[in-house]
Every structure is written in C-alpha cells, then in structure tokens.
C-alpha cells in the first residue's frame, strides 16, 4: 500500500493545524487507497490561543500532543 506523509502542527485554527482541513486531507488519502502517516514537531507551541475570545493565553502546549488529537494518537515525532 502506498504511504503518504502528512505533517501537522498542533490543533486549532488559530494556533495549529485547522481540524477540517487536516481531517479532509486524511480522508482523501484514505479514499485514494493510500495510507497516511502523520508527523508533528515535538516542541512547545510559540502561542496558545483561547478559541472563545481569540486572545493569547499564558499556558504552554506541546505541538505533537495537540496534533495527536486529530489523529487519535496515530502520530510520530517529526525529528
């Protein structure tokens, strides 16, 4: 089976991979008969955004862990 790599960067329209775009990309790869293999950088996000207010938050999040939300854990570190 053909494998296609997909690089994600977190999870969220303002501070990471846009969920709809990522899911539709993964669906298109699957429907084409290929297998997606997802990767993300294992590092802290530069900015964390409150999606209710659009304002920056002071907390930190890991890009790889956030991207794993989209892939339900099926993801590998980029480096």
Protein backbone atom coordinates (compact mmCIF):
# COMPACT_ATOMS: atom_id res chain seq x y z
CA UNK A 1 0.00 0.00 0.00
CA UNK A 2 1.27 3.45 -0.88
CA UNK A 3 2.10 5.64 2.15
CA UNK A 4 1.73 9.42 2.19
CA UNK A 5 3.29 11.54 4.93
CA UNK A 6 1.23 14.33 6.48
CA UNK A 7 2.87 16.96 8.68
CA UNK A 8 0.62 18.55 11.29
CA UNK A 9 1.42 21.36 13.68
CA UNK A 10 -0.76 21.35 16.76
CA UNK A 11 -4.54 21.51 16.67
CA UNK A 12 -6.68 24.58 16.19
CA UNK A 13 -7.42 27.18 13.56
CA UNK A 14 -5.53 29.99 15.34
CA UNK A 15 -2.62 28.09 16.88
CA UNK A 16 -2.20 24.87 14.94
CA UNK A 17 -3.45 22.65 12.14
CA UNK A 18 -7.00 23.53 11.10
CA UNK A 19 -9.09 20.50 12.04
CA UNK A 20 -11.41 20.40 9.00
CA UNK A 21 -8.52 20.73 6.54
CA UNK A 22 -6.50 18.04 8.31
CA UNK A 23 -9.38 15.56 8.54
CA UNK A 24 -10.44 16.08 4.92
CA UNK A 25 -6.83 15.58 3.80
CA UNK A 26 -6.59 12.32 5.76
CA UNK A 27 -9.96 11.19 4.35
CA UNK A 28 -8.90 11.94 0.76
CA UNK A 29 -5.68 9.96 1.24
CA UNK A 30 -7.65 7.01 2.61
CA UNK A 31 -10.23 7.12 -0.18
CA UNK A 32 -7.44 7.11 -2.78
CA UNK A 33 -6.31 3.74 -1.42
CA UNK A 34 -3.18 5.04 0.30
CA UNK A 35 -2.21 5.07 3.96
CA UNK A 36 -1.48 8.34 5.74
CA UNK A 37 1.47 8.52 8.11
CA UNK A 38 1.24 11.60 10.34
CA UNK A 39 4.11 13.54 11.87
CA UNK A 40 4.43 16.68 14.01
CA UNK A 41 7.30 18.54 15.66
CA UNK A 42 7.84 17.54 19.30
CA UNK A 43 8.20 21.05 20.72
CA UNK A 44 6.29 23.66 22.68
CA UNK A 45 3.91 25.95 20.79
CA UNK A 46 5.02 29.56 20.46
CA UNK A 47 1.47 30.88 21.01
CA UNK A 48 -1.61 29.35 22.64
CA UNK A 49 -4.91 30.98 21.69
CA UNK A 50 -8.23 30.95 23.57
CA UNK A 51 -10.63 29.97 20.78
CA UNK A 52 -13.60 31.56 22.57
CA UNK A 53 -12.08 35.03 22.81
CA UNK A 54 -9.28 34.94 20.22
CA UNK A 55 -6.83 36.18 22.85
CA UNK A 56 -3.40 34.75 23.62
CA UNK A 57 -3.07 32.60 26.74
CA UNK A 58 -0.08 32.19 29.04
CA UNK A 59 -0.20 28.37 29.23
CA UNK A 60 2.04 26.13 27.15
CA UNK A 61 1.13 23.20 24.92
CA UNK A 62 3.15 20.64 23.02
CA UNK A 63 2.71 20.64 19.22
CA UNK A 64 2.96 16.83 18.91
CA UNK A 65 0.49 16.17 21.73
CA UNK A 66 -2.02 18.67 20.33
CA UNK A 67 -1.73 17.20 16.80
CA UNK A 68 -2.40 13.75 18.28
CA UNK A 69 -5.95 14.96 18.99
CA UNK A 70 -6.64 14.99 15.25
CA UNK A 71 -5.04 11.60 14.56
CA UNK A 72 -6.36 9.92 17.71
CA UNK A 73 -2.82 9.15 18.80
CA UNK A 74 -1.57 7.74 15.48
CA UNK A 75 1.31 10.19 15.03
CA UNK A 76 5.11 10.22 15.15
CA UNK A 77 7.63 12.89 16.11
CA UNK A 78 8.93 14.74 13.06
CA UNK A 79 12.60 14.65 14.03
